[in-house]
PDB file of all heavy atoms in Angstrom:
ATOM      1  N   ALA A   1       6.410  31.337 -12.096  1.00  0.00           N
ATOM      2  CA  ALA A   1       6.560  32.718 -12.382  1.00  0.00           C
ATOM      3  C   ALA A   1       7.434  33.473 -11.363  1.00  0.00           C
ATOM      4  O   ALA A   1       7.527  33.054 -10.219  1.00  0.00           O
ATOM      5  CB  ALA A   1       5.159  33.370 -12.471  1.00  0.00           C
ATOM      6  N   LEU A   2       8.105  34.512 -11.779  1.00  0.00           N
ATOM      7  CA  LEU A   2       9.033  35.214 -10.955  1.00  0.00           C
ATOM      8  C   LEU A   2       8.431  35.774  -9.663  1.00  0.00           C
ATOM      9  O   LEU A   2       8.949  35.653  -8.605  1.00  0.00           O
ATOM     10  CB  LEU A   2       9.734  36.349 -11.749  1.00  0.00           C
ATOM     11  CG  LEU A   2      10.752  37.198 -10.942  1.00  0.00           C
ATOM     12  CD1 LEU A   2      11.888  36.370 -10.445  1.00  0.00           C
ATOM     13  CD2 LEU A   2      11.270  38.351 -11.797  1.00  0.00           C
ATOM     14  N   GLU A   3       7.150  36.324  -9.866  1.00  0.00           N
ATOM     15  CA  GLU A   3       6.475  36.872  -8.712  1.00  0.00           C
ATOM     16  C   GLU A   3       6.168  35.833  -7.629  1.00  0.00           C
ATOM     17  O   GLU A   3       6.194  36.076  -6.386  1.00  0.00           O
ATOM     18  CB  GLU A   3       5.201  37.614  -9.098  1.00  0.00           C
ATOM     19  CG  GLU A   3       4.179  36.786  -9.742  1.00  0.00           C
ATOM     20  CD  GLU A   3       2.951  37.598 -10.172  1.00  0.00           C
ATOM     21  OE1 GLU A   3       2.214  37.881  -9.234  1.00  0.00           O
ATOM     22  OE2 GLU A   3       2.793  37.853 -11.387  1.00  0.00           O
ATOM     23  N   ASP A   4       5.805  34.563  -8.022  1.00  0.00           N
ATOM     24  CA  ASP A   4       5.540  33.537  -7.123  1.00  0.00           C
ATOM     25  C   ASP A   4       6.911  33.009  -6.538  1.00  0.00           C
ATOM     26  O   ASP A   4       6.932  32.631  -5.346  1.00  0.00           O
ATOM     27  CB  ASP A   4       4.877  32.341  -7.859  1.00  0.00           C
ATOM     28  CG  ASP A   4       3.434  32.781  -8.258  1.00  0.00           C
ATOM     29  OD1 ASP A   4       2.895  33.618  -7.637  1.00  0.00           O
ATOM     30  OD2 ASP A   4       2.951  32.156  -9.234  1.00  0.00           O
ATOM     31  N   ALA A   5       7.921  33.055  -7.330  1.00  0.00           N
ATOM     32  CA  ALA A   5       9.224  32.589  -6.842  1.00  0.00           C
ATOM     33  C   ALA A   5       9.721  33.543  -5.743  1.00  0.00           C
ATOM     34  O   ALA A   5      10.409  33.067  -4.825  1.00  0.00           O
ATOM     35  CB  ALA A   5      10.212  32.515  -8.009  1.00  0.00           C
ATOM     36  N   LYS A   6       9.406  34.809  -5.882  1.00  0.00           N
ATOM     37  CA  LYS A   6       9.920  35.813  -4.960  1.00  0.00           C
ATOM     38  C   LYS A   6       9.313  35.540  -3.571  1.00  0.00           C
ATOM     39  O   LYS A   6       9.903  35.823  -2.498  1.00  0.00           O
ATOM     40  CB  LYS A   6       9.558  37.201  -5.369  1.00  0.00           C
ATOM     41  CG  LYS A   6      10.300  37.737  -6.574  1.00  0.00           C
ATOM     42  CD  LYS A   6      11.785  38.122  -6.171  1.00  0.00           C
ATOM     43  CE  LYS A   6      12.504  38.746  -7.330  1.00  0.00           C
ATOM     44  NZ  LYS A   6      13.884  39.069  -6.953  1.00  0.00           N
ATOM     45  N   GLU A   7       8.088  34.967  -3.529  1.00  0.00           N
ATOM     46  CA  GLU A   7       7.404  34.652  -2.260  1.00  0.00           C
ATOM     47  C   GLU A   7       8.167  33.486  -1.522  1.00  0.00           C
ATOM     48  O   GLU A   7       8.144  33.387  -0.310  1.00  0.00           O
ATOM     49  CB  GLU A   7       6.011  34.292  -2.491  1.00  0.00           C
ATOM     50  CG  GLU A   7       5.137  35.447  -2.967  1.00  0.00           C
ATOM     51  CD  GLU A   7       3.752  34.994  -3.281  1.00  0.00           C
ATOM     52  OE1 GLU A   7       3.362  33.806  -2.964  1.00  0.00           O
ATOM     53  OE2 GLU A   7       2.931  35.806  -3.780  1.00  0.00           O
ATOM     54  N   ILE A   8       8.814  32.684  -2.356  1.00  0.00           N
ATOM     55  CA  ILE A   8       9.552  31.507  -1.777  1.00  0.00           C
ATOM     56  C   ILE A   8      10.969  32.021  -1.379  1.00  0.00           C
ATOM     57  O   ILE A   8      11.451  31.652  -0.349  1.00  0.00           O
ATOM     58  CB  ILE A   8       9.611  30.377  -2.751  1.00  0.00           C
ATOM     59  CG1 ILE A   8       8.126  29.908  -3.071  1.00  0.00           C
ATOM     60  CG2 ILE A   8      10.441  29.261  -2.147  1.00  0.00           C
ATOM     61  CD1 ILE A   8       8.070  28.821  -4.086  1.00  0.00           C
ATOM     62  N   SER A   9      11.618  32.694  -2.317  1.00  0.00           N
ATOM     63  CA  SER A   9      12.997  33.172  -2.089  1.00  0.00           C
ATOM     64  C   SER A   9      13.098  34.563  -2.655  1.00  0.00           C
ATOM     65  O   SER A   9      12.856  34.743  -3.892  1.00  0.00           O
ATOM     66  CB  SER A   9      14.039  32.227  -2.739  1.00  0.00           C
ATOM     67  OG  SER A   9      15.302  32.823  -2.700  1.00  0.00           O
ATOM     68  N   SER A  10      13.460  35.521  -1.923  1.00  0.00           N
ATOM     69  CA  SER A  10      13.555  36.955  -2.319  1.00  0.00           C
ATOM     70  C   SER A  10      14.688  37.133  -3.331  1.00  0.00           C
ATOM     71  O   SER A  10      14.699  38.109  -4.082  1.00  0.00           O
ATOM     72  CB  SER A  10      13.775  37.819  -1.152  1.00  0.00           C
ATOM     73  OG  SER A  10      14.941  37.469  -0.447  1.00  0.00           O
ATOM     74  N   LYS A  11      15.598  36.106  -3.331  1.00  0.00           N
ATOM     75  CA  LYS A  11      16.757  36.241  -4.284  1.00  0.00           C
ATOM     76  C   LYS A  11      16.559  35.528  -5.610  1.00  0.00           C
ATOM     77  O   LYS A  11      17.444  35.429  -6.423  1.00  0.00           O
ATOM     78  CB  LYS A  11      18.040  35.676  -3.610  1.00  0.00           C
ATOM     79  CG  LYS A  11      18.432  36.335  -2.334  1.00  0.00           C
ATOM     80  CD  LYS A  11      19.705  35.690  -1.721  1.00  0.00           C
ATOM     81  CE  LYS A  11      20.081  36.439  -0.492  1.00  0.00           C
ATOM     82  NZ  LYS A  11      21.281  35.828   0.170  1.00  0.00           N
ATOM     83  N   ALA A  12      15.337  34.997  -5.862  1.00  0.00           N
ATOM     84  CA  ALA A  12      15.054  34.346  -7.050  1.00  0.00           C
ATOM     85  C   ALA A  12      15.145  35.201  -8.288  1.00  0.00           C
ATOM     86  O   ALA A  12      14.819  36.402  -8.248  1.00  0.00           O
ATOM     87  CB  ALA A  12      13.593  33.780  -7.015  1.00  0.00           C
ATOM     88  N   GLU A  13      15.734  34.636  -9.314  1.00  0.00           N
ATOM     89  CA  GLU A  13      15.884  35.393 -10.613  1.00  0.00           C
ATOM     90  C   GLU A  13      15.449  34.545 -11.744  1.00  0.00           C
ATOM     91  O   GLU A  13      15.439  33.328 -11.708  1.00  0.00           O
ATOM     92  CB  GLU A  13      17.386  35.735 -10.805  1.00  0.00           C
ATOM     93  CG  GLU A  13      17.923  36.718  -9.708  1.00  0.00           C
ATOM     94  CD  GLU A  13      19.459  36.943  -9.933  1.00  0.00           C
ATOM     95  OE1 GLU A  13      20.010  36.412 -10.877  1.00  0.00           O
ATOM     96  OE2 GLU A  13      19.989  37.720  -9.125  1.00  0.00           O
ATOM     97  N   VAL A  14      15.125  35.206 -12.849  1.00  0.00           N
ATOM     98  CA  VAL A  14      14.659  34.511 -14.067  1.00  0.00           C
ATOM     99  C   VAL A  14      15.786  33.604 -14.617  1.00  0.00           C
ATOM    100  O   VAL A  14      16.907  34.031 -14.690  1.00  0.00           O
ATOM    101  CB  VAL A  14      14.234  35.480 -15.128  1.00  0.00           C
ATOM    102  CG1 VAL A  14      13.850  34.805 -16.455  1.00  0.00           C
ATOM    103  CG2 VAL A  14      13.038  36.373 -14.658  1.00  0.00           C
ATOM    104  N   GLY A  15      15.385  32.368 -14.889  1.00  0.00           N
ATOM    105  CA  GLY A  15      16.336  31.467 -15.518  1.00  0.00           C
ATOM    106  C   GLY A  15      16.977  30.501 -14.573  1.00  0.00           C
ATOM    107  O   GLY A  15      17.467  29.469 -14.895  1.00  0.00           O
ATOM    108  N   GLU A  16      16.898  30.774 -13.225  1.00  0.00           N
ATOM    109  CA  GLU A  16      17.491  29.828 -12.315  1.00  0.00           C
ATOM    110  C   GLU A  16      16.474  28.726 -11.827  1.00  0.00           C
ATOM    111  O   GLU A  16      15.308  28.852 -12.136  1.00  0.00           O
ATOM    112  CB  GLU A  16      17.952  30.588 -11.005  1.00  0.00           C
ATOM    113  CG  GLU A  16      16.872  31.103 -10.109  1.00  0.00           C
ATOM    114  CD  GLU A  16      17.439  31.686  -8.801  1.00  0.00           C
ATOM    115  OE1 GLU A  16      18.663  31.821  -8.672  1.00  0.00           O
ATOM    116  OE2 GLU A  16      16.592  32.056  -7.972  1.00  0.00           O
ATOM    117  N   ILE A  17      17.038  27.693 -11.264  1.00  0.00           N
ATOM    118  CA  ILE A  17      16.192  26.569 -10.750  1.00  0.00           C
ATOM    119  C   ILE A  17      15.916  26.761  -9.312  1.00  0.00           C
ATOM    120  O   ILE A  17      16.814  26.916  -8.498  1.00  0.00           O
ATOM    121  CB  ILE A  17      16.933  25.217 -10.999  1.00  0.00           C
ATOM    122  CG1 ILE A  17      17.259  25.025 -12.492  1.00  0.00           C
ATOM    123  CG2 ILE A  17      16.062  24.100 -10.490  1.00  0.00           C
ATOM    124  CD1 ILE A  17      16.063  24.951 -13.348  1.00  0.00           C
ATOM    125  N   LEU A  18      14.631  26.823  -9.033  1.00  0.00           N
ATOM    126  CA  LEU A  18      14.185  27.033  -7.698  1.00  0.00           C
ATOM    127  C   LEU A  18      13.645  25.709  -7.011  1.00  0.00           C
ATOM    128  O   LEU A  18      12.884  25.007  -7.663  1.00  0.00           O
ATOM    129  CB  LEU A  18      13.169  28.119  -7.618  1.00  0.00           C
ATOM    130  CG  LEU A  18      12.643  28.592  -6.197  1.00  0.00           C
ATOM    131  CD1 LEU A  18      13.769  29.374  -5.478  1.00  0.00           C
ATOM    132  CD2 LEU A  18      11.454  29.477  -6.370  1.00  0.00           C
ATOM    133  N   HIS A  19      13.956  25.495  -5.771  1.00  0.00           N
ATOM    134  CA  HIS A  19      13.447  24.332  -5.053  1.00  0.00           C
ATOM    135  C   HIS A  19      12.137  24.686  -4.366  1.00  0.00           C
ATOM    136  O   HIS A  19      12.112  25.499  -3.503  1.00  0.00           O
ATOM    137  CB  HIS A  19      14.430  23.820  -4.026  1.00  0.00           C
ATOM    138  CG  HIS A  19      15.660  23.232  -4.636  1.00  0.00           C
ATOM    139  ND1 HIS A  19      16.748  22.746  -3.847  1.00  0.00           N
ATOM    140  CD2 HIS A  19      16.050  22.975  -5.906  1.00  0.00           C
ATOM    141  CE1 HIS A  19      17.682  22.289  -4.632  1.00  0.00           C
ATOM    142  NE2 HIS A  19      17.291  22.469  -5.923  1.00  0.00           N
ATOM    143  N   VAL A  20      11.074  24.065  -4.909  1.00  0.00           N
ATOM    144  CA  VAL A  20       9.734  24.347  -4.280  1.00  0.00           C
ATOM    145  C   VAL A  20       9.297  23.206  -3.496  1.00  0.00           C
ATOM    146  O   VAL A  20       9.121  22.117  -3.989  1.00  0.00           O
ATOM    147  CB  VAL A  20       8.732  24.631  -5.477  1.00  0.00           C
ATOM    148  CG1 VAL A  20       7.335  24.977  -4.892  1.00  0.00           C
ATOM    149  CG2 VAL A  20       9.201  25.783  -6.360  1.00  0.00           C
ATOM    150  N   GLU A  21       9.110  23.487  -2.191  1.00  0.00           N
ATOM    151  CA  GLU A  21       8.762  22.410  -1.270  1.00  0.00           C
ATOM    152  C   GLU A  21       7.355  21.859  -1.579  1.00  0.00           C
ATOM    153  O   GLU A  21       6.456  22.610  -1.815  1.00  0.00           O
ATOM    154  CB  GLU A  21       8.832  22.860   0.175  1.00  0.00           C
ATOM    155  CG  GLU A  21       8.620  21.730   1.201  1.00  0.00           C
ATOM    156  CD  GLU A  21       8.745  22.318   2.648  1.00  0.00           C
ATOM    157  OE1 GLU A  21       9.117  23.473   2.828  1.00  0.00           O
ATOM    158  OE2 GLU A  21       8.572  21.482   3.560  1.00  0.00           O
ATOM    159  N   ILE A  22       7.283  20.502  -1.469  1.00  0.00           N
ATOM    160  CA  ILE A  22       5.963  19.904  -1.601  1.00  0.00           C
ATOM    161  C   ILE A  22       5.461  19.284  -0.265  1.00  0.00           C
ATOM    162  O   ILE A  22       6.271  18.608   0.405  1.00  0.00           O
ATOM    163  CB  ILE A  22       6.041  18.742  -2.682  1.00  0.00           C
ATOM    164  CG1 ILE A  22       6.436  19.302  -4.030  1.00  0.00           C
ATOM    165  CG2 ILE A  22       4.715  17.988  -2.782  1.00  0.00           C
ATOM    166  CD1 ILE A  22       6.800  18.254  -5.021  1.00  0.00           C
ATOM    167  N   LYS A  23       4.253  19.682   0.091  1.00  0.00           N
ATOM    168  CA  LYS A  23       3.709  19.167   1.396  1.00  0.00           C
ATOM    169  C   LYS A  23       3.112  17.744   1.141  1.00  0.00           C
ATOM    170  O   LYS A  23       2.148  17.658   0.349  1.00  0.00           O
ATOM    171  CB  LYS A  23       2.699  20.105   1.966  1.00  0.00           C
ATOM    172  CG  LYS A  23       3.243  21.568   2.214  1.00  0.00           C
ATOM    173  CD  LYS A  23       4.195  21.530   3.347  1.00  0.00           C
ATOM    174  CE  LYS A  23       4.687  22.962   3.710  1.00  0.00           C
ATOM    175  NZ  LYS A  23       5.651  22.923   4.743  1.00  0.00           N
ATOM    176  N   SER A  24       3.659  16.755   1.825  1.00  0.00           N
ATOM    177  CA  SER A  24       3.138  15.404   1.593  1.00  0.00           C
ATOM    178  C   SER A  24       1.678  15.285   2.130  1.00  0.00           C
ATOM    179  O   SER A  24       0.975  14.405   1.731  1.00  0.00           O
ATOM    180  CB  SER A  24       4.052  14.437   2.308  1.00  0.00           C
ATOM    181  OG  SER A  24       4.151  14.683   3.725  1.00  0.00           O
ATOM    182  N   LYS A  25       1.282  16.190   3.074  1.00  0.00           N
ATOM    183  CA  LYS A  25      -0.052  16.089   3.601  1.00  0.00           C
ATOM    184  C   LYS A  25      -1.105  16.448   2.518  1.00  0.00           C
ATOM    185  O   LYS A  25      -2.282  16.118   2.695  1.00  0.00           O
ATOM    186  CB  LYS A  25      -0.231  17.090   4.736  1.00  0.00           C
ATOM    187  CG  LYS A  25       0.578  16.660   5.982  1.00  0.00           C
ATOM    188  CD  LYS A  25       0.413  17.686   7.096  1.00  0.00           C
ATOM    189  CE  LYS A  25       1.158  17.278   8.337  1.00  0.00           C
ATOM    190  NZ  LYS A  25       0.958  18.215   9.477  1.00  0.00           N
ATOM    191  N   GLU A  26      -0.632  17.057   1.459  1.00  0.00           N
ATOM    192  CA  GLU A  26      -1.523  17.438   0.384  1.00  0.00           C
ATOM    193  C   GLU A  26      -1.879  16.238  -0.554  1.00  0.00           C
ATOM    194  O   GLU A  26      -2.745  16.418  -1.411  1.00  0.00           O
ATOM    195  CB  GLU A  26      -0.988  18.598  -0.466  1.00  0.00           C
ATOM    196  CG  GLU A  26      -0.767  19.834   0.416  1.00  0.00           C
ATOM    197  CD  GLU A  26      -0.101  20.975  -0.429  1.00  0.00           C
ATOM    198  OE1 GLU A  26       0.299  20.693  -1.592  1.00  0.00           O
ATOM    199  OE2 GLU A  26       0.219  22.014   0.160  1.00  0.00           O
ATOM    200  N   PHE A  27      -1.094  15.213  -0.435  1.00  0.00           N
ATOM    201  CA  PHE A  27      -1.332  14.040  -1.299  1.00  0.00           C
ATOM    202  C   PHE A  27      -2.760  13.453  -1.113  1.00  0.00           C
ATOM    203  O   PHE A  27      -3.234  13.370   0.012  1.00  0.00           O
ATOM    204  CB  PHE A  27      -0.309  12.986  -1.099  1.00  0.00           C
ATOM    205  CG  PHE A  27       1.157  13.370  -1.465  1.00  0.00           C
ATOM    206  CD1 PHE A  27       2.233  12.749  -0.966  1.00  0.00           C
ATOM    207  CD2 PHE A  27       1.319  14.406  -2.366  1.00  0.00           C
ATOM    208  CE1 PHE A  27       3.478  13.147  -1.279  1.00  0.00           C
ATOM    209  CE2 PHE A  27       2.613  14.781  -2.688  1.00  0.00           C
ATOM    210  CZ  PHE A  27       3.691  14.165  -2.207  1.00  0.00           C
ATOM    211  N   GLY A  28      -3.317  12.972  -2.137  1.00  0.00           N
ATOM    212  CA  GLY A  28      -4.629  12.314  -2.090  1.00  0.00           C
ATOM    213  C   GLY A  28      -4.492  10.932  -1.560  1.00  0.00           C
ATOM    214  O   GLY A  28      -3.434  10.370  -1.308  1.00  0.00           O
ATOM    215  N   ARG A  29      -5.675  10.319  -1.283  1.00  0.00           N
ATOM    216  CA  ARG A  29      -5.751   8.975  -0.635  1.00  0.00           C
ATOM    217  C   ARG A  29      -5.002   7.927  -1.592  1.00  0.00           C
ATOM    218  O   ARG A  29      -4.350   7.045  -1.093  1.00  0.00           O
ATOM    219  CB  ARG A  29      -7.150   8.551  -0.397  1.00  0.00           C
ATOM    220  CG  ARG A  29      -7.325   7.273   0.324  1.00  0.00           C
ATOM    221  CD  ARG A  29      -8.789   6.949   0.610  1.00  0.00           C
ATOM    222  NE  ARG A  29      -9.478   6.797  -0.639  1.00  0.00           N
ATOM    223  CZ  ARG A  29      -9.613   5.733  -1.399  1.00  0.00           C
ATOM    224  NH1 ARG A  29      -8.975   4.623  -0.977  1.00  0.00           N
ATOM    225  NH2 ARG A  29     -10.390   5.703  -2.492  1.00  0.00           N
ATOM    226  N   ILE A  30      -5.313   8.021  -2.923  1.00  0.00           N
ATOM    227  CA  ILE A  30      -4.749   7.006  -3.848  1.00  0.00           C
ATOM    228  C   ILE A  30      -3.237   7.175  -3.839  1.00  0.00           C
ATOM    229  O   ILE A  30      -2.499   6.186  -3.860  1.00  0.00           O
ATOM    230  CB  ILE A  30      -5.298   7.225  -5.225  1.00  0.00           C
ATOM    231  CG1 ILE A  30      -6.808   6.896  -5.194  1.00  0.00           C
ATOM    232  CG2 ILE A  30      -4.612   6.328  -6.215  1.00  0.00           C
ATOM    233  CD1 ILE A  30      -7.515   7.147  -6.478  1.00  0.00           C
ATOM    234  N   ALA A  31      -2.741   8.428  -3.933  1.00  0.00           N
ATOM    235  CA  ALA A  31      -1.271   8.648  -3.945  1.00  0.00           C
ATOM    236  C   ALA A  31      -0.593   8.085  -2.728  1.00  0.00           C
ATOM    237  O   ALA A  31       0.396   7.493  -2.705  1.00  0.00           O
ATOM    238  CB  ALA A  31      -0.980  10.100  -4.148  1.00  0.00           C
ATOM    239  N   THR A  32      -1.320   8.317  -1.549  1.00  0.00           N
ATOM    240  CA  THR A  32      -0.774   7.818  -0.269  1.00  0.00           C
ATOM    241  C   THR A  32      -0.710   6.320  -0.309  1.00  0.00           C
ATOM    242  O   THR A  32       0.263   5.671   0.222  1.00  0.00           O
ATOM    243  CB  THR A  32      -1.624   8.303   0.867  1.00  0.00           C
ATOM    244  OG1 THR A  32      -1.704   9.750   0.841  1.00  0.00           O
ATOM    245  CG2 THR A  32      -1.092   7.933   2.253  1.00  0.00           C
ATOM    246  N   MET A  33      -1.850   5.649  -0.697  1.00  0.00           N
ATOM    247  CA  MET A  33      -1.819   4.154  -0.764  1.00  0.00           C
ATOM    248  C   MET A  33      -0.750   3.573  -1.605  1.00  0.00           C
ATOM    249  O   MET A  33      -0.125   2.614  -1.315  1.00  0.00           O
ATOM    250  CB  MET A  33      -3.196   3.676  -1.194  1.00  0.00           C
ATOM    251  CG  MET A  33      -4.339   3.894  -0.164  1.00  0.00           C
ATOM    252  SD  MET A  33      -4.027   2.933   1.313  1.00  0.00           S
ATOM    253  CE  MET A  33      -4.085   1.278   0.706  1.00  0.00           C
ATOM    254  N   ASN A  34      -0.541   4.245  -2.806  1.00  0.00           N
ATOM    255  CA  ASN A  34       0.481   3.797  -3.679  1.00  0.00           C
ATOM    256  C   ASN A  34       1.907   3.905  -3.069  1.00  0.00           C
ATOM    257  O   ASN A  34       2.733   3.021  -3.243  1.00  0.00           O
ATOM    258  CB  ASN A  34       0.463   4.612  -4.988  1.00  0.00           C
ATOM    259  CG  ASN A  34      -0.735   4.174  -5.869  1.00  0.00           C
ATOM    260  OD1 ASN A  34      -1.230   3.106  -5.717  1.00  0.00           O
ATOM    261  ND2 ASN A  34      -1.114   5.021  -6.775  1.00  0.00           N
ATOM    262  N   ALA A  35       2.088   5.051  -2.287  1.00  0.00           N
ATOM    263  CA  ALA A  35       3.369   5.201  -1.643  1.00  0.00           C
ATOM    264  C   ALA A  35       3.565   4.117  -0.584  1.00  0.00           C
ATOM    265  O   ALA A  35       4.647   3.497  -0.424  1.00  0.00           O
ATOM    266  CB  ALA A  35       3.374   6.534  -0.943  1.00  0.00           C
ATOM    267  N   LYS A  36       2.486   3.779   0.177  1.00  0.00           N
ATOM    268  CA  LYS A  36       2.534   2.680   1.173  1.00  0.00           C
ATOM    269  C   LYS A  36       2.903   1.354   0.518  1.00  0.00           C
ATOM    270  O   LYS A  36       3.732   0.624   1.010  1.00  0.00           O
ATOM    271  CB  LYS A  36       1.234   2.550   1.852  1.00  0.00           C
ATOM    272  CG  LYS A  36       1.124   1.471   2.888  1.00  0.00           C
ATOM    273  CD  LYS A  36      -0.279   1.318   3.464  1.00  0.00           C
ATOM    274  CE  LYS A  36      -0.401   0.156   4.316  1.00  0.00           C
ATOM    275  NZ  LYS A  36      -1.815   0.013   4.860  1.00  0.00           N
ATOM    276  N   ASN A  37       2.281   1.102  -0.677  1.00  0.00           N
ATOM    277  CA  ASN A  37       2.516  -0.171  -1.302  1.00  0.00           C
ATOM    278  C   ASN A  37       3.960  -0.355  -1.854  1.00  0.00           C
ATOM    279  O   ASN A  37       4.510  -1.398  -1.875  1.00  0.00           O
ATOM    280  CB  ASN A  37       1.550  -0.350  -2.512  1.00  0.00           C
ATOM    281  CG  ASN A  37       0.104  -0.561  -2.061  1.00  0.00           C
ATOM    282  OD1 ASN A  37      -0.124  -1.070  -0.919  1.00  0.00           O
ATOM    283  ND2 ASN A  37      -0.847  -0.213  -2.914  1.00  0.00           N
ATOM    284  N   VAL A  38       4.507   0.845  -2.288  1.00  0.00           N
ATOM    285  CA  VAL A  38       5.892   0.832  -2.677  1.00  0.00           C
ATOM    286  C   VAL A  38       6.821   0.420  -1.579  1.00  0.00           C
ATOM    287  O   VAL A  38       7.757  -0.378  -1.701  1.00  0.00           O
ATOM    288  CB  VAL A  38       6.253   2.219  -3.271  1.00  0.00           C
ATOM    289  CG1 VAL A  38       7.811   2.317  -3.507  1.00  0.00           C
ATOM    290  CG2 VAL A  38       5.616   2.463  -4.540  1.00  0.00           C
ATOM    291  N   ILE A  39       6.586   0.955  -0.335  1.00  0.00           N
ATOM    292  CA  ILE A  39       7.423   0.621   0.811  1.00  0.00           C
ATOM    293  C   ILE A  39       7.282  -0.835   1.180  1.00  0.00           C
ATOM    294  O   ILE A  39       8.247  -1.547   1.416  1.00  0.00           O
ATOM    295  CB  ILE A  39       7.017   1.542   1.981  1.00  0.00           C
ATOM    296  CG1 ILE A  39       7.378   2.951   1.699  1.00  0.00           C
ATOM    297  CG2 ILE A  39       7.824   1.097   3.224  1.00  0.00           C
ATOM    298  CD1 ILE A  39       6.901   3.962   2.798  1.00  0.00           C
TER     299      ILE A  39
END
């Protein structure tokens, strides 16, 4: 939503593509183990 996008970037506008950072620390144990197995 636009109001959430404004919190990330004040220049955000409707229709554009916004890069929303993902914190890897938020991943669960299973996701982390799968990532390790891939490596």
